[in-house]
Amino acid sequence: MGANIVIPNFNIDEFRKFLDELNKESDRGAVLVSVAMLDDILEKIILAFLIEAKDTKELFSGSNAPLGTFSTRILAA
C-alpha cells in the first residue's frame, strides 16, 4: 500500500498559550505573529509529505531555498 505519512500533531495547550499572547498584541502585531505561526506549521506539513533525505531540509533554509518563503510554501501546498 501507500507510504505512511505522519502530519505533525497540533497541541491545543500550546495553541491556547499562543492565543493568550496574541490577544496582547496590536492588530499589526497579531497579524505578523499569526503569519509566522502559519508559516511554521505549513513548513512542517510539507516536510511530512516529502521523502526524508539529506537535502530535504535545504529546500526550506538558505538564501536561495526553493521553499524558503511563506509564499513559495503556499504555492507548493
Protein backbone atom coordinates (compact mmCIF):
# COMPACT_ATOMS: atom_id res chain seq x y z
CA MET A 1 0.00 0.00 0.00
CA GLY A 2 0.94 3.69 0.19
CA ALA A 3 3.50 5.27 2.45
CA ASN A 4 2.55 6.20 5.98
CA ILE A 5 2.50 9.96 6.18
CA VAL A 6 2.71 11.49 9.64
CA ILE A 7 1.34 15.00 9.93
CA PRO A 8 2.67 16.95 12.93
CA ASN A 9 0.45 16.89 15.98
CA PHE A 10 -1.36 20.02 16.93
CA ASN A 11 -1.10 20.74 20.65
CA ILE A 12 -4.21 22.52 21.90
CA ASP A 13 -2.47 23.72 25.10
CA GLU A 14 0.26 25.40 23.06
CA PHE A 15 -2.39 26.97 20.86
CA ARG A 16 -4.22 28.37 23.91
CA LYS A 17 -0.96 29.92 25.13
CA PHE A 18 -0.45 31.35 21.65
CA LEU A 19 -3.95 32.87 21.71
CA ASP A 20 -3.35 34.42 25.13
CA GLU A 21 -0.20 36.09 23.83
CA LEU A 22 -1.87 37.03 20.57
CA ASN A 23 -4.62 38.90 22.40
CA LYS A 24 -1.96 41.14 23.99
CA GLU A 25 -0.68 42.25 20.57
CA SER A 26 -1.72 45.24 18.50
CA ASP A 27 -3.66 44.49 15.31
CA ARG A 28 -0.49 44.69 13.25
CA GLY A 29 1.47 42.58 15.71
CA ALA A 30 -1.29 39.96 15.78
CA VAL A 31 -1.13 39.61 12.00
CA LEU A 32 2.66 39.28 11.99
CA VAL A 33 2.70 36.73 14.80
CA SER A 34 -0.13 34.72 13.22
CA VAL A 35 1.52 34.59 9.82
CA ALA A 36 4.79 33.46 11.41
CA MET A 37 2.94 30.63 13.15
CA LEU A 38 1.15 29.62 9.94
CA ASP A 39 4.44 29.68 8.05
CA ASP A 40 6.00 27.32 10.59
CA ILE A 41 3.01 24.95 10.51
CA LEU A 42 2.95 24.91 6.72
CA GLU A 43 6.67 24.02 6.60
CA LYS A 44 6.06 21.11 8.98
CA ILE A 45 3.11 19.85 6.93
CA ILE A 46 5.04 19.98 3.65
CA LEU A 47 8.03 18.24 5.28
CA ALA A 48 5.70 15.47 6.46
CA PHE A 49 4.86 14.69 2.82
CA LEU A 50 8.42 14.76 1.48
CA ILE A 51 10.81 11.84 1.38
CA GLU A 52 13.41 12.04 4.12
CA ALA A 53 16.77 12.78 2.55
CA LYS A 54 19.82 14.80 3.49
CA ASP A 55 18.87 17.55 1.01
CA THR A 56 15.22 17.85 2.06
CA LYS A 57 15.86 20.46 4.76
CA GLU A 58 17.81 22.53 2.23
CA LEU A 59 14.56 23.14 0.38
CA PHE A 60 13.47 25.31 3.31
CA SER A 61 16.63 27.03 4.53
CA GLY A 62 19.34 29.09 2.91
CA SER A 63 19.40 32.26 0.87
CA ASN A 64 18.04 30.68 -2.33
CA ALA A 65 15.91 27.91 -0.87
CA PRO A 66 13.08 26.95 -3.26
CA LEU A 67 10.62 26.69 -0.34
CA GLY A 68 12.29 29.31 1.83
CA THR A 69 9.44 31.81 1.88
CA PHE A 70 5.85 31.65 3.03
CA SER A 71 4.60 32.49 -0.46
CA THR A 72 6.52 29.64 -2.11
CA ARG A 73 5.26 27.24 0.57
CA ILE A 74 1.70 28.35 -0.15
CA LEU A 75 2.24 27.71 -3.87
CA ALA A 76 3.74 24.28 -3.14
CA ALA A 77 0.82 23.36 -0.91
